Amino acid sequence: MKTYRCLVCGYIHEGSEPPESCPICGVPSSEVLKVLGLDLFSIGECMPRDENCIQYEREAPGSYVLFVFREGRMVGSIVIGDKALAAKAKQAVEKGFNYTEHNGDVEGIIRQIS
């Protein structure tokens, strides 16, 4: 059995896997992995479950960014190849960052969460 600690409120969970989100403060679990030498970060809902989700993504050599919003609130993200942006995306999902300018501008989202 493993122990997992919420980095926001300090809740301790014991089990074979971390919970999907903290049962106390609701912050989603996040993961950081190394894939082909690149840091891969994911948090929250990365695969939209319904038509109420909007995705914004950007792909470039050595990097990838995906932001998922539901009703204007950031509910998930994947970031590959950019540790600094991964940290900002994590905070944005944990705080429920609100973005209502639905024009598909990933750079605009990055500017706002920075």
PDB file of N, CA and C in Angstrom:
ATOM      1  N   MET A   1       0.842  -1.167   0.000  1.00  0.00           N
ATOM      2  CA  MET A   1       0.000   0.000   0.000  1.00  0.00           C
ATOM      3  C   MET A   1       0.896   1.243   0.000  1.00  0.00           C
ATOM      4  N   LYS A   2       0.507   2.240  -0.804  1.00  0.00           N
ATOM      5  CA  LYS A   2       1.260   3.480  -0.906  1.00  0.00           C
ATOM      6  C   LYS A   2       0.501   4.606  -0.219  1.00  0.00           C
ATOM      7  N   THR A   3       1.240   5.655   0.108  1.00  0.00           N
ATOM      8  CA  THR A   3       0.648   6.837   0.720  1.00  0.00           C
ATOM      9  C   THR A   3       0.779   8.007  -0.249  1.00  0.00           C
ATOM     10  N   TYR A   4      -0.325   8.718  -0.479  1.00  0.00           N
ATOM     11  CA  TYR A   4      -0.352   9.886  -1.356  1.00  0.00           C
ATOM     12  C   TYR A   4      -0.817  11.086  -0.539  1.00  0.00           C
ATOM     13  N   ARG A   5      -0.153  12.238  -0.745  1.00  0.00           N
ATOM     14  CA  ARG A   5      -0.481  13.448   0.008  1.00  0.00           C
ATOM     15  C   ARG A   5      -0.916  14.552  -0.944  1.00  0.00           C
ATOM     16  N   CYS A   6      -2.039  15.186  -0.665  1.00  0.00           N
ATOM     17  CA  CYS A   6      -2.498  16.326  -1.450  1.00  0.00           C
ATOM     18  C   CYS A   6      -1.561  17.493  -1.180  1.00  0.00           C
ATOM     19  N   LEU A   7      -1.019  18.078  -2.244  1.00  0.00           N
ATOM     20  CA  LEU A   7      -0.081  19.188  -2.101  1.00  0.00           C
ATOM     21  C   LEU A   7      -0.771  20.508  -1.767  1.00  0.00           C
ATOM     22  N   VAL A   8      -2.094  20.534  -1.849  1.00  0.00           N
ATOM     23  CA  VAL A   8      -2.829  21.756  -1.552  1.00  0.00           C
ATOM     24  C   VAL A   8      -3.282  21.788  -0.094  1.00  0.00           C
ATOM     25  N   CYS A   9      -4.003  20.738   0.339  1.00  0.00           N
ATOM     26  CA  CYS A   9      -4.566  20.769   1.696  1.00  0.00           C
ATOM     27  C   CYS A   9      -3.874  19.814   2.667  1.00  0.00           C
ATOM     28  N   GLY A  10      -3.024  18.914   2.155  1.00  0.00           N
ATOM     29  CA  GLY A  10      -2.299  17.994   3.029  1.00  0.00           C
ATOM     30  C   GLY A  10      -3.004  16.682   3.310  1.00  0.00           C
ATOM     31  N   TYR A  11      -4.183  16.453   2.727  1.00  0.00           N
ATOM     32  CA  TYR A  11      -4.921  15.200   2.936  1.00  0.00           C
ATOM     33  C   TYR A  11      -4.022  14.009   2.591  1.00  0.00           C
ATOM     34  N   ILE A  12      -4.060  12.956   3.406  1.00  0.00           N
ATOM     35  CA  ILE A  12      -3.278  11.740   3.187  1.00  0.00           C
ATOM     36  C   ILE A  12      -4.211  10.630   2.726  1.00  0.00           C
ATOM     37  N   HIS A  13      -3.861   9.991   1.594  1.00  0.00           N
ATOM     38  CA  HIS A  13      -4.642   8.868   1.059  1.00  0.00           C
ATOM     39  C   HIS A  13      -3.744   7.644   1.037  1.00  0.00           C
ATOM     40  N   GLU A  14      -4.252   6.514   1.489  1.00  0.00           N
ATOM     41  CA  GLU A  14      -3.508   5.267   1.423  1.00  0.00           C
ATOM     42  C   GLU A  14      -4.225   4.322   0.483  1.00  0.00           C
ATOM     43  N   GLY A  15      -3.458   3.735  -0.444  1.00  0.00           N
ATOM     44  CA  GLY A  15      -4.034   2.810  -1.412  1.00  0.00           C
ATOM     45  C   GLY A  15      -3.027   2.477  -2.484  1.00  0.00           C
ATOM     46  N   SER A  16      -3.435   1.657  -3.433  1.00  0.00           N
ATOM     47  CA  SER A  16      -2.520   1.262  -4.507  1.00  0.00           C
ATOM     48  C   SER A  16      -2.403   2.346  -5.579  1.00  0.00           C
ATOM     49  N   GLU A  17      -3.400   3.215  -5.684  1.00  0.00           N
ATOM     50  CA  GLU A  17      -3.412   4.311  -6.666  1.00  0.00           C
ATOM     51  C   GLU A  17      -3.875   5.584  -5.980  1.00  0.00           C
ATOM     52  N   PRO A  18      -3.433   6.751  -6.484  1.00  0.00           N
ATOM     53  CA  PRO A  18      -3.951   8.000  -5.908  1.00  0.00           C
ATOM     54  C   PRO A  18      -5.411   8.189  -6.314  1.00  0.00           C
ATOM     55  N   PRO A  19      -6.179   8.934  -5.525  1.00  0.00           N
ATOM     56  CA  PRO A  19      -7.568   9.200  -5.924  1.00  0.00           C
ATOM     57  C   PRO A  19      -7.582  10.123  -7.140  1.00  0.00           C
ATOM     58  N   GLU A  20      -8.691  10.107  -7.917  1.00  0.00           N
ATOM     59  CA  GLU A  20      -8.817  10.999  -9.073  1.00  0.00           C
ATOM     60  C   GLU A  20      -8.691  12.446  -8.666  1.00  0.00           C
ATOM     61  N   SER A  21      -9.253  12.773  -7.527  1.00  0.00           N
ATOM     62  CA  SER A  21      -9.136  14.122  -6.983  1.00  0.00           C
ATOM     63  C   SER A  21      -9.174  14.027  -5.464  1.00  0.00           C
ATOM     64  N   CYS A  22      -8.677  15.053  -4.806  1.00  0.00           N
ATOM     65  CA  CYS A  22      -8.661  15.071  -3.348  1.00  0.00           C
ATOM     66  C   CYS A  22     -10.096  15.131  -2.825  1.00  0.00           C
ATOM     67  N   PRO A  23     -10.473  14.209  -1.931  1.00  0.00           N
ATOM     68  CA  PRO A  23     -11.840  14.232  -1.407  1.00  0.00           C
ATOM     69  C   PRO A  23     -12.105  15.410  -0.476  1.00  0.00           C
ATOM     70  N   ILE A  24     -11.062  16.096  -0.045  1.00  0.00           N
ATOM     71  CA  ILE A  24     -11.235  17.234   0.857  1.00  0.00           C
ATOM     72  C   ILE A  24     -11.372  18.543   0.078  1.00  0.00           C
ATOM     73  N   CYS A  25     -10.377  18.835  -0.791  1.00  0.00           N
ATOM     74  CA  CYS A  25     -10.386  20.139  -1.475  1.00  0.00           C
ATOM     75  C   CYS A  25     -10.740  20.043  -2.964  1.00  0.00           C
ATOM     76  N   GLY A  26     -10.843  18.820  -3.503  1.00  0.00           N
ATOM     77  CA  GLY A  26     -11.288  18.645  -4.881  1.00  0.00           C
ATOM     78  C   GLY A  26     -10.226  18.818  -5.953  1.00  0.00           C
ATOM     79  N   VAL A  27      -8.973  19.086  -5.583  1.00  0.00           N
ATOM     80  CA  VAL A  27      -7.915  19.269  -6.576  1.00  0.00           C
ATOM     81  C   VAL A  27      -7.640  17.933  -7.263  1.00  0.00           C
ATOM     82  N   PRO A  28      -7.598  17.916  -8.614  1.00  0.00           N
ATOM     83  CA  PRO A  28      -7.335  16.663  -9.316  1.00  0.00           C
ATOM     84  C   PRO A  28      -5.896  16.196  -9.131  1.00  0.00           C
ATOM     85  N   SER A  29      -5.704  14.877  -9.196  1.00  0.00           N
ATOM     86  CA  SER A  29      -4.354  14.313  -9.135  1.00  0.00           C
ATOM     87  C   SER A  29      -3.599  14.706 -10.386  1.00  0.00           C
ATOM     88  N   SER A  30      -2.276  14.772 -10.279  1.00  0.00           N
ATOM     89  CA  SER A  30      -1.462  15.090 -11.446  1.00  0.00           C
ATOM     90  C   SER A  30      -0.284  14.142 -11.500  1.00  0.00           C
ATOM     91  N   GLU A  31       0.304  14.014 -12.681  1.00  0.00           N
ATOM     92  CA  GLU A  31       1.422  13.115 -12.892  1.00  0.00           C
ATOM     93  C   GLU A  31       2.490  13.801 -13.725  1.00  0.00           C
ATOM     94  N   VAL A  32       3.751  13.498 -13.448  1.00  0.00           N
ATOM     95  CA  VAL A  32       4.865  13.942 -14.279  1.00  0.00           C
ATOM     96  C   VAL A  32       5.678  12.704 -14.615  1.00  0.00           C
ATOM     97  N   LEU A  33       5.885  12.456 -15.902  1.00  0.00           N
ATOM     98  CA  LEU A  33       6.636  11.308 -16.384  1.00  0.00           C
ATOM     99  C   LEU A  33       7.718  11.781 -17.336  1.00  0.00           C
ATOM    100  N   LYS A  34       8.691  10.934 -17.595  1.00  0.00           N
ATOM    101  CA  LYS A  34       9.720  11.212 -18.582  1.00  0.00           C
ATOM    102  C   LYS A  34       9.428  10.290 -19.767  1.00  0.00           C
ATOM    103  N   VAL A  35       9.192  10.877 -20.953  1.00  0.00           N
ATOM    104  CA  VAL A  35       8.881  10.101 -22.152  1.00  0.00           C
ATOM    105  C   VAL A  35       9.857  10.508 -23.249  1.00  0.00           C
ATOM    106  N   LEU A  36      10.643   9.560 -23.708  1.00  0.00           N
ATOM    107  CA  LEU A  36      11.631   9.824 -24.752  1.00  0.00           C
ATOM    108  C   LEU A  36      12.491  11.046 -24.437  1.00  0.00           C
ATOM    109  N   GLY A  37      12.849  11.187 -23.159  1.00  0.00           N
ATOM    110  CA  GLY A  37      13.705  12.290 -22.746  1.00  0.00           C
ATOM    111  C   GLY A  37      12.981  13.601 -22.499  1.00  0.00           C
ATOM    112  N   LEU A  38      11.665  13.635 -22.681  1.00  0.00           N
ATOM    113  CA  LEU A  38      10.884  14.857 -22.462  1.00  0.00           C
ATOM    114  C   LEU A  38      10.007  14.685 -21.234  1.00  0.00           C
ATOM    115  N   ASP A  39       9.828  15.763 -20.473  1.00  0.00           N
ATOM    116  CA  ASP A  39       8.918  15.726 -19.337  1.00  0.00           C
ATOM    117  C   ASP A  39       7.485  15.778 -19.841  1.00  0.00           C
ATOM    118  N   LEU A  40       6.662  14.841 -19.374  1.00  0.00           N
ATOM    119  CA  LEU A  40       5.246  14.800 -19.724  1.00  0.00           C
ATOM    120  C   LEU A  40       4.454  15.027 -18.449  1.00  0.00           C
ATOM    121  N   PHE A  41       3.595  16.038 -18.445  1.00  0.00           N
ATOM    122  CA  PHE A  41       2.777  16.381 -17.288  1.00  0.00           C
ATOM    123  C   PHE A  41       1.312  16.276 -17.687  1.00  0.00           C
ATOM    124  N   SER A  42       0.495  15.711 -16.803  1.00  0.00           N
ATOM    125  CA  SER A  42      -0.949  15.700 -17.049  1.00  0.00           C
ATOM    126  C   SER A  42      -1.676  15.925 -15.735  1.00  0.00           C
ATOM    127  N   ILE A  43      -2.818  16.590 -15.836  1.00  0.00           N
ATOM    128  CA  ILE A  43      -3.652  16.836 -14.665  1.00  0.00           C
ATOM    129  C   ILE A  43      -5.108  16.924 -15.104  1.00  0.00           C
ATOM    130  N   GLY A  44      -5.987  16.407 -14.251  1.00  0.00           N
ATOM    131  CA  GLY A  44      -7.427  16.552 -14.475  1.00  0.00           C
ATOM    132  C   GLY A  44      -7.952  15.798 -15.674  1.00  0.00           C
ATOM    133  N   GLU A  45      -8.974  16.358 -16.303  1.00  0.00           N
ATOM    134  CA  GLU A  45      -9.638  15.748 -17.458  1.00  0.00           C
ATOM    135  C   GLU A  45      -8.863  16.089 -18.724  1.00  0.00           C
ATOM    136  N   CYS A  46      -8.233  15.105 -19.298  1.00  0.00           N
ATOM    137  CA  CYS A  46      -7.464  15.333 -20.528  1.00  0.00           C
ATOM    138  C   CYS A  46      -8.184  14.789 -21.753  1.00  0.00           C
ATOM    139  N   MET A  47      -9.205  14.000 -21.526  1.00  0.00           N
ATOM    140  CA  MET A  47     -10.029  13.468 -22.602  1.00  0.00           C
ATOM    141  C   MET A  47     -11.456  13.936 -22.358  1.00  0.00           C
ATOM    142  N   PRO A  48     -11.902  14.954 -23.087  1.00  0.00           N
ATOM    143  CA  PRO A  48     -13.257  15.480 -22.865  1.00  0.00           C
ATOM    144  C   PRO A  48     -14.305  14.382 -22.940  1.00  0.00           C
ATOM    145  N   ARG A  49     -15.208  14.410 -21.960  1.00  0.00           N
ATOM    146  CA  ARG A  49     -16.236  13.370 -21.884  1.00  0.00           C
ATOM    147  C   ARG A  49     -17.531  13.741 -22.584  1.00  0.00           C
ATOM    148  N   ASP A  50     -17.696  15.022 -22.901  1.00  0.00           N
ATOM    149  CA  ASP A  50     -18.954  15.431 -23.503  1.00  0.00           C
ATOM    150  C   ASP A  50     -18.750  16.693 -24.347  1.00  0.00           C
ATOM    151  N   GLU A  51     -19.834  17.143 -24.987  1.00  0.00           N
ATOM    152  CA  GLU A  51     -19.756  18.294 -25.887  1.00  0.00           C
ATOM    153  C   GLU A  51     -19.601  19.627 -25.147  1.00  0.00           C
ATOM    154  N   ASN A  52     -19.688  19.615 -23.824  1.00  0.00           N
ATOM    155  CA  ASN A  52     -19.495  20.836 -23.040  1.00  0.00           C
ATOM    156  C   ASN A  52     -18.026  21.186 -22.836  1.00  0.00           C
ATOM    157  N   CYS A  53     -17.131  20.312 -23.272  1.00  0.00           N
ATOM    158  CA  CYS A  53     -15.698  20.555 -23.134  1.00  0.00           C
ATOM    159  C   CYS A  53     -15.145  21.175 -24.414  1.00  0.00           C
ATOM    160  N   ILE A  54     -14.211  22.086 -24.229  1.00  0.00           N
ATOM    161  CA  ILE A  54     -13.509  22.712 -25.355  1.00  0.00           C
ATOM    162  C   ILE A  54     -12.024  22.479 -25.143  1.00  0.00           C
ATOM    163  N   GLN A  55     -11.343  22.054 -26.204  1.00  0.00           N
ATOM    164  CA  GLN A  55      -9.911  21.798 -26.149  1.00  0.00           C
ATOM    165  C   GLN A  55      -9.154  22.853 -26.943  1.00  0.00           C
ATOM    166  N   TYR A  56      -8.007  23.236 -26.412  1.00  0.00           N
ATOM    167  CA  TYR A  56      -7.079  24.104 -27.127  1.00  0.00           C
ATOM    168  C   TYR A  56      -5.741  23.370 -27.118  1.00  0.00           C
ATOM    169  N   GLU A  57      -5.137  23.190 -28.284  1.00  0.00           N
ATOM    170  CA  GLU A  57      -3.857  22.494 -28.308  1.00  0.00           C
ATOM    171  C   GLU A  57      -2.879  23.120 -29.279  1.00  0.00           C
ATOM    172  N   ARG A  58      -1.601  22.895 -28.965  1.00  0.00           N
ATOM    173  CA  ARG A  58      -0.515  23.388 -29.803  1.00  0.00           C
ATOM    174  C   ARG A  58       0.551  22.312 -29.841  1.00  0.00           C
ATOM    175  N   GLU A  59       1.015  22.010 -31.041  1.00  0.00           N
ATOM    176  CA  GLU A  59       2.050  21.011 -31.228  1.00  0.00           C
ATOM    177  C   GLU A  59       3.234  21.678 -31.908  1.00  0.00           C
ATOM    178  N   ALA A  60       4.441  21.392 -31.428  1.00  0.00           N
ATOM    179  CA  ALA A  60       5.663  21.926 -32.015  1.00  0.00           C
ATOM    180  C   ALA A  60       6.756  20.881 -31.795  1.00  0.00           C
ATOM    181  N   PRO A  61       7.854  20.954 -32.533  1.00  0.00           N
ATOM    182  CA  PRO A  61       8.943  19.992 -32.308  1.00  0.00           C
ATOM    183  C   PRO A  61       9.414  20.018 -30.846  1.00  0.00           C
ATOM    184  N   GLY A  62       9.358  18.874 -30.172  1.00  0.00           N
ATOM    185  CA  GLY A  62       9.813  18.768 -28.794  1.00  0.00           C
ATOM    186  C   GLY A  62       8.844  19.280 -27.750  1.00  0.00           C
ATOM    187  N   SER A  63       7.637  19.700 -28.161  1.00  0.00           N
ATOM    188  CA  SER A  63       6.676  20.174 -27.162  1.00  0.00           C
ATOM    189  C   SER A  63       5.238  19.967 -27.636  1.00  0.00           C
ATOM    190  N   TYR A  64       4.361  19.892 -26.666  1.00  0.00           N
ATOM    191  CA  TYR A  64       2.926  19.747 -26.931  1.00  0.00           C
ATOM    192  C   TYR A  64       2.188  20.343 -25.743  1.00  0.00           C
ATOM    193  N   VAL A  65       1.101  21.045 -26.015  1.00  0.00           N
ATOM    194  CA  VAL A  65       0.273  21.636 -24.960  1.00  0.00           C
ATOM    195  C   VAL A  65      -1.192  21.370 -25.283  1.00  0.00           C
ATOM    196  N   LEU A  66      -1.939  20.925 -24.290  1.00  0.00           N
ATOM    197  CA  LEU A  66      -3.382  20.743 -24.409  1.00  0.00           C
ATOM    198  C   LEU A  66      -4.021  21.333 -23.165  1.00  0.00           C
ATOM    199  N   PHE A  67      -5.014  22.186 -23.375  1.00  0.00           N
ATOM    200  CA  PHE A  67      -5.816  22.723 -22.278  1.00  0.00           C
ATOM    201  C   PHE A  67      -7.247  22.285 -22.524  1.00  0.00           C
ATOM    202  N   VAL A  68      -7.933  21.809 -21.481  1.00  0.00           N
ATOM    203  CA  VAL A  68      -9.331  21.384 -21.582  1.00  0.00           C
ATOM    204  C   VAL A  68     -10.162  22.261 -20.652  1.00  0.00           C
ATOM    205  N   PHE A  69     -11.229  22.840 -21.219  1.00  0.00           N
ATOM    206  CA  PHE A  69     -12.125  23.714 -20.457  1.00  0.00           C
ATOM    207  C   PHE A  69     -13.536  23.157 -20.484  1.00  0.00           C
ATOM    208  N   ARG A  70     -14.234  23.313 -19.375  1.00  0.00           N
ATOM    209  CA  ARG A  70     -15.658  22.995 -19.290  1.00  0.00           C
ATOM    210  C   ARG A  70     -16.323  24.232 -18.686  1.00  0.00           C
ATOM    211  N   GLU A  71     -17.290  24.764 -19.422  1.00  0.00           N
ATOM    212  CA  GLU A  71     -18.033  25.954 -18.990  1.00  0.00           C
ATOM    213  C   GLU A  71     -17.085  27.090 -18.599  1.00  0.00           C
ATOM    214  N   GLY A  72     -16.027  27.272 -19.396  1.00  0.00           N
ATOM    215  CA  GLY A  72     -15.086  28.363 -19.192  1.00  0.00           C
ATOM    216  C   GLY A  72     -14.021  28.126 -18.146  1.00  0.00           C
ATOM    217  N   ARG A  73     -14.090  27.016 -17.437  1.00  0.00           N
ATOM    218  CA  ARG A  73     -13.143  26.699 -16.361  1.00  0.00           C
ATOM    219  C   ARG A  73     -12.156  25.634 -16.813  1.00  0.00           C
ATOM    220  N   MET A  74     -10.856  25.845 -16.573  1.00  0.00           N
ATOM    221  CA  MET A  74      -9.861  24.854 -16.966  1.00  0.00           C
ATOM    222  C   MET A  74      -9.995  23.625 -16.068  1.00  0.00           C
ATOM    223  N   VAL A  75     -10.226  22.459 -16.695  1.00  0.00           N
ATOM    224  CA  VAL A  75     -10.433  21.225 -15.938  1.00  0.00           C
ATOM    225  C   VAL A  75      -9.355  20.188 -16.206  1.00  0.00           C
ATOM    226  N   GLY A  76      -8.446  20.473 -17.165  1.00  0.00           N
ATOM    227  CA  GLY A  76      -7.385  19.517 -17.449  1.00  0.00           C
ATOM    228  C   GLY A  76      -6.334  20.092 -18.362  1.00  0.00           C
ATOM    229  N   SER A  77      -5.166  19.414 -18.362  1.00  0.00           N
ATOM    230  CA  SER A  77      -4.071  19.871 -19.210  1.00  0.00           C
ATOM    231  C   SER A  77      -3.047  18.762 -19.397  1.00  0.00           C
ATOM    232  N   ILE A  78      -2.413  18.775 -20.550  1.00  0.00           N
ATOM    233  CA  ILE A  78      -1.233  17.957 -20.834  1.00  0.00           C
ATOM    234  C   ILE A  78      -0.169  18.917 -21.337  1.00  0.00           C
ATOM    235  N   VAL A  79       1.037  18.808 -20.787  1.00  0.00           N
ATOM    236  CA  VAL A  79       2.158  19.622 -21.236  1.00  0.00           C
ATOM    237  C   VAL A  79       3.357  18.700 -21.406  1.00  0.00           C
ATOM    238  N   ILE A  80       3.960  18.723 -22.581  1.00  0.00           N
ATOM    239  CA  ILE A  80       5.159  17.939 -22.849  1.00  0.00           C
ATOM    240  C   ILE A  80       6.290  18.897 -23.204  1.00  0.00           C
ATOM    241  N   GLY A  81       7.430  18.727 -22.532  1.00  0.00           N
ATOM    242  CA  GLY A  81       8.630  19.463 -22.889  1.00  0.00           C
ATOM    243  C   GLY A  81       8.785  20.847 -22.302  1.00  0.00           C
ATOM    244  N   ASP A  82       7.975  21.237 -21.330  1.00  0.00           N
ATOM    245  CA  ASP A  82       8.082  22.580 -20.748  1.00  0.00           C
ATOM    246  C   ASP A  82       7.686  22.522 -19.273  1.00  0.00           C
ATOM    247  N   LYS A  83       8.686  22.339 -18.388  1.00  0.00           N
ATOM    248  CA  LYS A  83       8.412  22.208 -16.948  1.00  0.00           C
ATOM    249  C   LYS A  83       7.767  23.460 -16.365  1.00  0.00           C
ATOM    250  N   ALA A  84       8.214  24.636 -16.787  1.00  0.00           N
ATOM    251  CA  ALA A  84       7.674  25.883 -16.246  1.00  0.00           C
ATOM    252  C   ALA A  84       6.193  26.022 -16.593  1.00  0.00           C
ATOM    253  N   LEU A  85       5.835  25.720 -17.833  1.00  0.00           N
ATOM    254  CA  LEU A  85       4.430  25.796 -18.237  1.00  0.00           C
ATOM    255  C   LEU A  85       3.609  24.727 -17.522  1.00  0.00           C
ATOM    256  N   ALA A  86       4.184  23.550 -17.297  1.00  0.00           N
ATOM    257  CA  ALA A  86       3.479  22.492 -16.578  1.00  0.00           C
ATOM    258  C   ALA A  86       3.093  22.965 -15.176  1.00  0.00           C
ATOM    259  N   ALA A  87       3.999  23.655 -14.504  1.00  0.00           N
ATOM    260  CA  ALA A  87       3.706  24.166 -13.160  1.00  0.00           C
ATOM    261  C   ALA A  87       2.582  25.196 -13.206  1.00  0.00           C
ATOM    262  N   LYS A  88       2.582  26.033 -14.226  1.00  0.00           N
ATOM    263  CA  LYS A  88       1.528  27.047 -14.361  1.00  0.00           C
ATOM    264  C   LYS A  88       0.184  26.397 -14.689  1.00  0.00           C
ATOM    265  N   ALA A  89       0.211  25.380 -15.549  1.00  0.00           N
ATOM    266  CA  ALA A  89      -1.026  24.678 -15.888  1.00  0.00           C
ATOM    267  C   ALA A  89      -1.591  23.971 -14.662  1.00  0.00           C
ATOM    268  N   LYS A  90      -0.716  23.392 -13.843  1.00  0.00           N
ATOM    269  CA  LYS A  90      -1.157  22.716 -12.621  1.00  0.00           C
ATOM    270  C   LYS A  90      -1.888  23.700 -11.715  1.00  0.00           C
ATOM    271  N   GLN A  91      -1.304  24.860 -11.507  1.00  0.00           N
ATOM    272  CA  GLN A  91      -1.947  25.878 -10.668  1.00  0.00           C
ATOM    273  C   GLN A  91      -3.273  26.333 -11.269  1.00  0.00           C
ATOM    274  N   ALA A  92      -3.316  26.489 -12.596  1.00  0.00           N
ATOM    275  CA  ALA A  92      -4.541  26.954 -13.255  1.00  0.00           C
ATOM    276  C   ALA A  92      -5.678  25.951 -13.068  1.00  0.00           C
ATOM    277  N   VAL A  93      -5.383  24.654 -13.197  1.00  0.00           N
ATOM    278  CA  VAL A  93      -6.428  23.642 -13.004  1.00  0.00           C
ATOM    279  C   VAL A  93      -6.843  23.602 -11.538  1.00  0.00           C
ATOM    280  N   GLU A  94      -5.879  23.630 -10.631  1.00  0.00           N
ATOM    281  CA  GLU A  94      -6.201  23.582  -9.194  1.00  0.00           C
ATOM    282  C   GLU A  94      -7.065  24.762  -8.773  1.00  0.00           C
ATOM    283  N   LYS A  95      -6.836  25.922  -9.365  1.00  0.00           N
ATOM    284  CA  LYS A  95      -7.594  27.119  -9.006  1.00  0.00           C
ATOM    285  C   LYS A  95      -8.848  27.314  -9.852  1.00  0.00           C
ATOM    286  N   GLY A  96      -9.071  26.425 -10.845  1.00  0.00           N
ATOM    287  CA  GLY A  96     -10.245  26.557 -11.704  1.00  0.00           C
ATOM    288  C   GLY A  96     -10.178  27.788 -12.584  1.00  0.00           C
ATOM    289  N   PHE A  97      -8.992  28.048 -13.149  1.00  0.00           N
ATOM    290  CA  PHE A  97      -8.784  29.221 -13.997  1.00  0.00           C
ATOM    291  C   PHE A  97      -9.940  29.382 -14.986  1.00  0.00           C
ATOM    292  N   ASN A  98     -10.484  30.585 -15.065  1.00  0.00           N
ATOM    293  CA  ASN A  98     -11.625  30.886 -15.923  1.00  0.00           C
ATOM    294  C   ASN A  98     -11.139  31.588 -17.188  1.00  0.00           C
ATOM    295  N   TYR A  99     -11.511  31.043 -18.333  1.00  0.00           N
ATOM    296  CA  TYR A  99     -11.108  31.604 -19.617  1.00  0.00           C
ATOM    297  C   TYR A  99     -12.330  31.601 -20.521  1.00  0.00           C
ATOM    298  N   THR A 100     -12.804  32.762 -20.872  1.00  0.00           N
ATOM    299  CA  THR A 100     -14.036  32.839 -21.655  1.00  0.00           C
ATOM    300  C   THR A 100     -13.815  33.314 -23.079  1.00  0.00           C
ATOM    301  N   GLU A 101     -12.577  33.643 -23.462  1.00  0.00           N
ATOM    302  CA  GLU A 101     -12.291  34.083 -24.825  1.00  0.00           C
ATOM    303  C   GLU A 101     -12.073  32.866 -25.727  1.00  0.00           C
ATOM    304  N   HIS A 102     -13.140  32.231 -26.117  1.00  0.00           N
ATOM    305  CA  HIS A 102     -13.047  30.987 -26.881  1.00  0.00           C
ATOM    306  C   HIS A 102     -12.676  31.245 -28.340  1.00  0.00           C
ATOM    307  N   ASN A 103     -11.427  31.659 -28.561  1.00  0.00           N
ATOM    308  CA  ASN A 103     -10.974  31.885 -29.930  1.00  0.00           C
ATOM    309  C   ASN A 103      -9.867  30.922 -30.331  1.00  0.00           C
ATOM    310  N   GLY A 104      -9.612  29.907 -29.521  1.00  0.00           N
ATOM    311  CA  GLY A 104      -8.631  28.895 -29.865  1.00  0.00           C
ATOM    312  C   GLY A 104      -7.191  29.342 -29.771  1.00  0.00           C
ATOM    313  N   ASP A 105      -6.935  30.367 -29.000  1.00  0.00           N
ATOM    314  CA  ASP A 105      -5.599  30.948 -28.910  1.00  0.00           C
ATOM    315  C   ASP A 105      -4.847  30.380 -27.715  1.00  0.00           C
ATOM    316  N   VAL A 106      -4.052  29.333 -27.943  1.00  0.00           N
ATOM    317  CA  VAL A 106      -3.268  28.712 -26.874  1.00  0.00           C
ATOM    318  C   VAL A 106      -2.305  29.728 -26.272  1.00  0.00           C
ATOM    319  N   GLU A 107      -1.688  30.528 -27.114  1.00  0.00           N
ATOM    320  CA  GLU A 107      -0.745  31.547 -26.620  1.00  0.00           C
ATOM    321  C   GLU A 107      -1.432  32.524 -25.670  1.00  0.00           C
ATOM    322  N   GLY A 108      -2.672  32.894 -25.959  1.00  0.00           N
ATOM    323  CA  GLY A 108      -3.428  33.787 -25.082  1.00  0.00           C
ATOM    324  C   GLY A 108      -3.674  33.151 -23.721  1.00  0.00           C
ATOM    325  N   ILE A 109      -3.988  31.856 -23.711  1.00  0.00           N
ATOM    326  CA  ILE A 109      -4.197  31.146 -22.450  1.00  0.00           C
ATOM    327  C   ILE A 109      -2.887  31.114 -21.668  1.00  0.00           C
ATOM    328  N   ILE A 110      -1.797  30.800 -22.359  1.00  0.00           N
ATOM    329  CA  ILE A 110      -0.489  30.749 -21.685  1.00  0.00           C
ATOM    330  C   ILE A 110      -0.138  32.099 -21.075  1.00  0.00           C
ATOM    331  N   ARG A 111      -0.386  33.171 -21.806  1.00  0.00           N
ATOM    332  CA  ARG A 111      -0.112  34.509 -21.273  1.00  0.00           C
ATOM    333  C   ARG A 111      -0.936  34.777 -20.011  1.00  0.00           C
ATOM    334  N   GLN A 112      -2.188  34.357 -20.021  1.00  0.00           N
ATOM    335  CA  GLN A 112      -3.068  34.637 -18.873  1.00  0.00           C
ATOM    336  C   GLN A 112      -2.722  33.812 -17.643  1.00  0.00           C
ATOM    337  N   ILE A 113      -2.235  32.590 -17.830  1.00  0.00           N
ATOM    338  CA  ILE A 113      -1.901  31.777 -16.652  1.00  0.00           C
ATOM    339  C   ILE A 113      -0.483  32.025 -16.163  1.00  0.00           C
ATOM    340  N   SER A 114       0.285  32.787 -16.915  1.00  0.00           N
ATOM    341  CA  SER A 114       1.677  33.066 -16.515  1.00  0.00           C
ATOM    342  C   SER A 114       1.748  34.162 -15.493  1.00  0.00           C
TER     343      SER A 114
END
